[in-house]
Amino acid sequence: MSTFTTTVRHGEDDVVIVELHGYLDAHTASEFERELRTIIQAGALRIIVDFSDLEYISSAGLGVFMVFIEDVRRDRGDILLASMRENVFSVFDLLGFQVLFTITTTVDQAQQEFRSRQ
């Protein structure tokens, strides 16, 4: 069974940072979906997902982002993606997600992106 955990912390300016750890695949995507739903239902609209400790993502993991992005953007928020390893980025790139999502090199750059939108 795949190992997957999340850590949630608060950044500057009402930004919620969700750190992903391990393997986000068909076995663990529902866990991440529940976590993200809880964060959004609590009122978070400015979310950064930190991929620096994510070792693998499958198409099921990618699908979780599509579940929420329209709702968050409709409420004038966004989900920014940061600090991807090359193998994880290649999956996003292959499926064209870099057109749909802002992907930054670091969490700090993602926070700066949110600041520039104010």
N, C-alpha and C. Protein backbone atom coordinates (compact mmCIF):
# COMPACT_ATOMS: atom_id res chain seq x y z
N MET A 1 0.84 -1.18 0.00
CA MET A 1 0.00 0.00 0.00
C MET A 1 0.88 1.24 0.00
N SER A 2 0.44 2.27 -0.71
CA SER A 2 1.20 3.50 -0.84
C SER A 2 1.13 4.33 0.43
N THR A 3 2.22 5.02 0.71
CA THR A 3 2.25 5.92 1.86
C THR A 3 2.02 7.34 1.37
N PHE A 4 1.07 8.02 1.99
CA PHE A 4 0.76 9.40 1.63
C PHE A 4 0.30 10.13 2.87
N THR A 5 0.83 11.32 3.09
CA THR A 5 0.36 12.19 4.18
C THR A 5 0.35 13.63 3.69
N THR A 6 -0.37 14.45 4.42
CA THR A 6 -0.38 15.88 4.15
C THR A 6 -0.07 16.61 5.45
N THR A 7 0.51 17.78 5.30
CA THR A 7 0.71 18.70 6.41
C THR A 7 0.11 20.03 5.97
N VAL A 8 -0.70 20.62 6.82
CA VAL A 8 -1.34 21.89 6.50
C VAL A 8 -0.78 22.96 7.42
N ARG A 9 -0.37 24.07 6.83
CA ARG A 9 0.11 25.20 7.63
C ARG A 9 -0.39 26.49 7.00
N HIS A 10 -0.33 27.55 7.77
CA HIS A 10 -0.81 28.84 7.30
C HIS A 10 0.37 29.74 6.96
N GLY A 11 0.30 30.30 5.75
CA GLY A 11 1.31 31.25 5.31
C GLY A 11 0.83 32.67 5.54
N GLU A 12 1.41 33.58 4.82
CA GLU A 12 1.04 34.99 4.93
C GLU A 12 -0.25 35.29 4.18
N ASP A 13 -0.94 36.34 4.60
CA ASP A 13 -2.10 36.87 3.88
C ASP A 13 -3.19 35.83 3.62
N ASP A 14 -3.57 35.08 4.63
CA ASP A 14 -4.65 34.09 4.53
C ASP A 14 -4.38 32.98 3.52
N VAL A 15 -3.13 32.68 3.28
CA VAL A 15 -2.76 31.59 2.39
C VAL A 15 -2.62 30.31 3.21
N VAL A 16 -3.20 29.24 2.70
CA VAL A 16 -3.06 27.92 3.32
C VAL A 16 -2.09 27.12 2.45
N ILE A 17 -1.08 26.54 3.10
CA ILE A 17 -0.09 25.74 2.40
C ILE A 17 -0.31 24.28 2.75
N VAL A 18 -0.50 23.46 1.72
CA VAL A 18 -0.72 22.03 1.90
C VAL A 18 0.52 21.31 1.37
N GLU A 19 1.25 20.69 2.28
CA GLU A 19 2.45 19.93 1.89
C GLU A 19 2.05 18.49 1.64
N LEU A 20 2.49 17.95 0.50
CA LEU A 20 2.20 16.57 0.15
C LEU A 20 3.44 15.73 0.38
N HIS A 21 3.26 14.54 0.95
CA HIS A 21 4.38 13.66 1.26
C HIS A 21 4.09 12.25 0.75
N GLY A 22 5.02 11.69 -0.01
CA GLY A 22 4.90 10.28 -0.41
C GLY A 22 4.37 10.09 -1.80
N TYR A 23 3.34 9.23 -1.92
CA TYR A 23 2.81 8.81 -3.21
C TYR A 23 1.33 9.16 -3.29
N LEU A 24 0.97 10.00 -4.27
CA LEU A 24 -0.42 10.38 -4.49
C LEU A 24 -0.90 9.59 -5.71
N ASP A 25 -1.67 8.54 -5.46
CA ASP A 25 -2.09 7.65 -6.54
C ASP A 25 -3.55 7.25 -6.32
N ALA A 26 -3.99 6.26 -7.06
CA ALA A 26 -5.39 5.83 -6.98
C ALA A 26 -5.77 5.38 -5.57
N HIS A 27 -4.81 4.87 -4.80
CA HIS A 27 -5.10 4.40 -3.45
C HIS A 27 -5.18 5.54 -2.43
N THR A 28 -4.53 6.66 -2.72
CA THR A 28 -4.45 7.74 -1.75
C THR A 28 -5.16 9.02 -2.18
N ALA A 29 -5.64 9.08 -3.41
CA ALA A 29 -6.28 10.29 -3.93
C ALA A 29 -7.51 10.68 -3.11
N SER A 30 -8.29 9.72 -2.67
CA SER A 30 -9.50 10.05 -1.90
C SER A 30 -9.14 10.71 -0.57
N GLU A 31 -8.04 10.30 0.02
CA GLU A 31 -7.57 10.92 1.26
C GLU A 31 -7.23 12.39 1.03
N PHE A 32 -6.51 12.67 -0.07
CA PHE A 32 -6.16 14.05 -0.40
C PHE A 32 -7.41 14.85 -0.75
N GLU A 33 -8.35 14.24 -1.44
CA GLU A 33 -9.58 14.94 -1.79
C GLU A 33 -10.34 15.35 -0.54
N ARG A 34 -10.42 14.46 0.45
CA ARG A 34 -11.09 14.80 1.72
C ARG A 34 -10.39 15.95 2.42
N GLU A 35 -9.05 15.92 2.44
CA GLU A 35 -8.28 16.97 3.10
C GLU A 35 -8.50 18.32 2.41
N LEU A 36 -8.45 18.33 1.09
CA LEU A 36 -8.62 19.58 0.36
C LEU A 36 -10.05 20.11 0.50
N ARG A 37 -11.01 19.21 0.49
CA ARG A 37 -12.41 19.62 0.68
C ARG A 37 -12.59 20.28 2.05
N THR A 38 -12.01 19.70 3.08
CA THR A 38 -12.09 20.25 4.43
C THR A 38 -11.49 21.65 4.48
N ILE A 39 -10.36 21.83 3.85
CA ILE A 39 -9.68 23.14 3.83
C ILE A 39 -10.54 24.17 3.14
N ILE A 40 -11.11 23.81 2.00
CA ILE A 40 -11.93 24.75 1.23
C ILE A 40 -13.23 25.04 1.96
N GLN A 41 -13.85 24.04 2.55
CA GLN A 41 -15.09 24.26 3.30
C GLN A 41 -14.86 25.14 4.52
N ALA A 42 -13.64 25.17 5.03
CA ALA A 42 -13.30 26.04 6.15
C ALA A 42 -13.09 27.49 5.70
N GLY A 43 -13.16 27.73 4.39
CA GLY A 43 -13.09 29.10 3.89
C GLY A 43 -11.80 29.47 3.18
N ALA A 44 -10.88 28.56 3.03
CA ALA A 44 -9.62 28.88 2.35
C ALA A 44 -9.87 29.05 0.86
N LEU A 45 -9.40 30.16 0.33
CA LEU A 45 -9.53 30.42 -1.10
C LEU A 45 -8.17 30.63 -1.76
N ARG A 46 -7.15 30.81 -0.96
CA ARG A 46 -5.79 31.01 -1.48
C ARG A 46 -4.95 29.85 -0.97
N ILE A 47 -4.76 28.87 -1.83
CA ILE A 47 -4.13 27.61 -1.43
C ILE A 47 -2.87 27.39 -2.25
N ILE A 48 -1.80 27.05 -1.57
CA ILE A 48 -0.56 26.63 -2.23
C ILE A 48 -0.34 25.17 -1.89
N VAL A 49 -0.11 24.37 -2.91
CA VAL A 49 0.20 22.95 -2.70
C VAL A 49 1.70 22.80 -2.91
N ASP A 50 2.38 22.37 -1.86
CA ASP A 50 3.84 22.19 -1.86
C ASP A 50 4.15 20.73 -2.19
N PHE A 51 4.76 20.53 -3.33
CA PHE A 51 5.07 19.18 -3.82
C PHE A 51 6.49 18.73 -3.49
N SER A 52 7.23 19.50 -2.73
CA SER A 52 8.66 19.21 -2.55
C SER A 52 8.94 17.83 -1.97
N ASP A 53 8.00 17.26 -1.22
CA ASP A 53 8.22 15.95 -0.63
C ASP A 53 7.32 14.88 -1.26
N LEU A 54 6.72 15.20 -2.40
CA LEU A 54 5.90 14.21 -3.11
C LEU A 54 6.78 13.46 -4.09
N GLU A 55 6.81 12.16 -3.96
CA GLU A 55 7.67 11.33 -4.79
C GLU A 55 7.02 10.88 -6.08
N TYR A 56 5.68 10.79 -6.09
CA TYR A 56 4.99 10.24 -7.26
C TYR A 56 3.56 10.77 -7.28
N ILE A 57 3.04 11.02 -8.49
CA ILE A 57 1.63 11.36 -8.66
C ILE A 57 1.09 10.62 -9.87
N SER A 58 -0.11 10.09 -9.74
CA SER A 58 -0.77 9.40 -10.85
C SER A 58 -1.88 10.30 -11.40
N SER A 59 -2.53 9.84 -12.45
CA SER A 59 -3.64 10.61 -13.01
C SER A 59 -4.78 10.76 -12.00
N ALA A 60 -4.96 9.79 -11.11
CA ALA A 60 -5.98 9.91 -10.07
C ALA A 60 -5.65 11.06 -9.13
N GLY A 61 -4.38 11.23 -8.81
CA GLY A 61 -3.95 12.35 -7.98
C GLY A 61 -4.17 13.68 -8.68
N LEU A 62 -3.89 13.73 -9.97
CA LEU A 62 -4.11 14.95 -10.75
C LEU A 62 -5.59 15.32 -10.77
N GLY A 63 -6.43 14.32 -10.83
CA GLY A 63 -7.86 14.56 -10.88
C GLY A 63 -8.41 15.30 -9.68
N VAL A 64 -7.78 15.14 -8.54
CA VAL A 64 -8.24 15.83 -7.33
C VAL A 64 -8.22 17.35 -7.54
N PHE A 65 -7.20 17.84 -8.21
CA PHE A 65 -7.10 19.28 -8.44
C PHE A 65 -8.25 19.78 -9.31
N MET A 66 -8.64 18.98 -10.28
CA MET A 66 -9.72 19.37 -11.19
C MET A 66 -11.06 19.42 -10.47
N VAL A 67 -11.22 18.63 -9.42
CA VAL A 67 -12.47 18.61 -8.66
C VAL A 67 -12.76 19.98 -8.05
N PHE A 68 -11.71 20.68 -7.62
CA PHE A 68 -11.90 21.89 -6.82
C PHE A 68 -11.57 23.21 -7.52
N ILE A 69 -10.80 23.20 -8.58
CA ILE A 69 -10.27 24.46 -9.11
C ILE A 69 -11.36 25.42 -9.58
N GLU A 70 -12.39 24.93 -10.24
CA GLU A 70 -13.43 25.83 -10.72
C GLU A 70 -14.18 26.50 -9.57
N ASP A 71 -14.50 25.74 -8.54
CA ASP A 71 -15.21 26.31 -7.38
C ASP A 71 -14.37 27.37 -6.68
N VAL A 72 -13.10 27.08 -6.48
CA VAL A 72 -12.22 28.03 -5.80
C VAL A 72 -12.07 29.30 -6.63
N ARG A 73 -11.88 29.17 -7.92
CA ARG A 73 -11.74 30.35 -8.78
C ARG A 73 -13.03 31.13 -8.89
N ARG A 74 -14.16 30.45 -8.90
CA ARG A 74 -15.45 31.14 -8.95
C ARG A 74 -15.60 32.05 -7.73
N ASP A 75 -15.04 31.63 -6.61
CA ASP A 75 -15.10 32.44 -5.38
C ASP A 75 -13.91 33.39 -5.25
N ARG A 76 -13.23 33.64 -6.39
CA ARG A 76 -12.09 34.58 -6.49
C ARG A 76 -10.84 34.10 -5.76
N GLY A 77 -10.68 32.80 -5.68
CA GLY A 77 -9.47 32.23 -5.09
C GLY A 77 -8.67 31.49 -6.15
N ASP A 78 -7.67 30.76 -5.71
CA ASP A 78 -6.88 29.96 -6.64
C ASP A 78 -6.10 28.89 -5.87
N ILE A 79 -5.68 27.90 -6.59
CA ILE A 79 -4.79 26.87 -6.07
C ILE A 79 -3.52 26.95 -6.89
N LEU A 80 -2.42 27.31 -6.23
CA LEU A 80 -1.12 27.39 -6.89
C LEU A 80 -0.30 26.16 -6.51
N LEU A 81 0.50 25.69 -7.45
CA LEU A 81 1.30 24.49 -7.26
C LEU A 81 2.76 24.87 -7.21
N ALA A 82 3.51 24.33 -6.24
CA ALA A 82 4.89 24.77 -6.03
C ALA A 82 5.83 23.62 -5.73
N SER A 83 7.09 23.83 -6.07
CA SER A 83 8.21 22.98 -5.65
C SER A 83 8.10 21.53 -6.12
N MET A 84 7.74 21.34 -7.38
CA MET A 84 7.61 19.98 -7.91
C MET A 84 8.96 19.39 -8.26
N ARG A 85 9.11 18.12 -7.95
CA ARG A 85 10.25 17.36 -8.43
C ARG A 85 10.07 17.17 -9.94
N GLU A 86 11.15 16.92 -10.63
CA GLU A 86 11.11 16.79 -12.08
C GLU A 86 10.14 15.70 -12.54
N ASN A 87 10.16 14.54 -11.88
CA ASN A 87 9.28 13.45 -12.31
C ASN A 87 7.81 13.78 -12.09
N VAL A 88 7.50 14.55 -11.06
CA VAL A 88 6.12 14.96 -10.81
C VAL A 88 5.71 16.04 -11.82
N PHE A 89 6.59 17.00 -12.04
CA PHE A 89 6.29 18.06 -13.02
C PHE A 89 6.05 17.47 -14.40
N SER A 90 6.80 16.45 -14.77
CA SER A 90 6.65 15.88 -16.11
C SER A 90 5.25 15.32 -16.33
N VAL A 91 4.61 14.80 -15.29
CA VAL A 91 3.24 14.31 -15.41
C VAL A 91 2.29 15.48 -15.65
N PHE A 92 2.44 16.55 -14.89
CA PHE A 92 1.61 17.74 -15.09
C PHE A 92 1.83 18.31 -16.48
N ASP A 93 3.08 18.37 -16.91
CA ASP A 93 3.43 18.93 -18.20
C ASP A 93 2.86 18.07 -19.33
N LEU A 94 3.00 16.78 -19.24
CA LEU A 94 2.52 15.86 -20.26
C LEU A 94 1.02 16.01 -20.49
N LEU A 95 0.28 16.24 -19.42
CA LEU A 95 -1.18 16.35 -19.52
C LEU A 95 -1.67 17.78 -19.70
N GLY A 96 -0.75 18.74 -19.85
CA GLY A 96 -1.11 20.12 -20.12
C GLY A 96 -1.60 20.92 -18.93
N PHE A 97 -1.32 20.46 -17.74
CA PHE A 97 -1.80 21.15 -16.54
C PHE A 97 -1.12 22.49 -16.31
N GLN A 98 0.06 22.71 -16.89
CA GLN A 98 0.73 23.98 -16.71
C GLN A 98 -0.05 25.12 -17.38
N VAL A 99 -0.99 24.79 -18.26
CA VAL A 99 -1.85 25.79 -18.87
C VAL A 99 -3.00 26.14 -17.93
N LEU A 100 -3.43 25.18 -17.12
CA LEU A 100 -4.57 25.36 -16.23
C LEU A 100 -4.19 25.92 -14.86
N PHE A 101 -2.97 25.64 -14.41
CA PHE A 101 -2.54 26.01 -13.07
C PHE A 101 -1.26 26.82 -13.13
N THR A 102 -1.10 27.71 -12.17
CA THR A 102 0.17 28.40 -11.98
C THR A 102 1.08 27.46 -11.21
N ILE A 103 2.23 27.16 -11.80
CA ILE A 103 3.21 26.28 -11.16
C ILE A 103 4.47 27.09 -10.94
N THR A 104 4.89 27.17 -9.67
CA THR A 104 6.09 27.95 -9.33
C THR A 104 7.19 27.02 -8.83
N THR A 105 8.41 27.54 -8.87
CA THR A 105 9.57 26.76 -8.45
C THR A 105 9.62 26.57 -6.94
N THR A 106 9.15 27.59 -6.19
CA THR A 106 9.19 27.53 -4.73
C THR A 106 7.87 28.00 -4.13
N VAL A 107 7.66 27.65 -2.87
CA VAL A 107 6.49 28.13 -2.14
C VAL A 107 6.56 29.65 -1.99
N ASP A 108 7.75 30.19 -1.75
CA ASP A 108 7.89 31.64 -1.64
C ASP A 108 7.44 32.35 -2.91
N GLN A 109 7.76 31.79 -4.06
CA GLN A 109 7.31 32.38 -5.33
C GLN A 109 5.79 32.32 -5.44
N ALA A 110 5.19 31.25 -4.99
CA ALA A 110 3.73 31.14 -5.02
C ALA A 110 3.10 32.18 -4.10
N GLN A 111 3.69 32.39 -2.91
CA GLN A 111 3.16 33.42 -2.00
C GLN A 111 3.30 34.80 -2.64
N GLN A 112 4.42 35.03 -3.33
CA GLN A 112 4.62 36.31 -4.03
C GLN A 112 3.57 36.48 -5.13
N GLU A 113 3.25 35.41 -5.81
CA GLU A 113 2.21 35.46 -6.86
C GLU A 113 0.87 35.88 -6.25
N PHE A 114 0.51 35.34 -5.12
CA PHE A 114 -0.72 35.75 -4.46
C PHE A 114 -0.65 37.21 -4.04
N ARG A 115 0.49 37.66 -3.50
CA ARG A 115 0.63 39.08 -3.10
C ARG A 115 0.46 39.99 -4.30
N SER A 116 0.98 39.60 -5.45
CA SER A 116 0.89 40.46 -6.64
C SER A 116 -0.54 40.57 -7.16
N ARG A 117 -1.40 39.67 -6.77
CA ARG A 117 -2.80 39.68 -7.22
C ARG A 117 -3.70 40.55 -6.35
N GLN A 118 -3.19 41.03 -5.25
CA GLN A 118 -4.03 41.82 -4.33
C GLN A 118 -4.29 43.20 -4.87
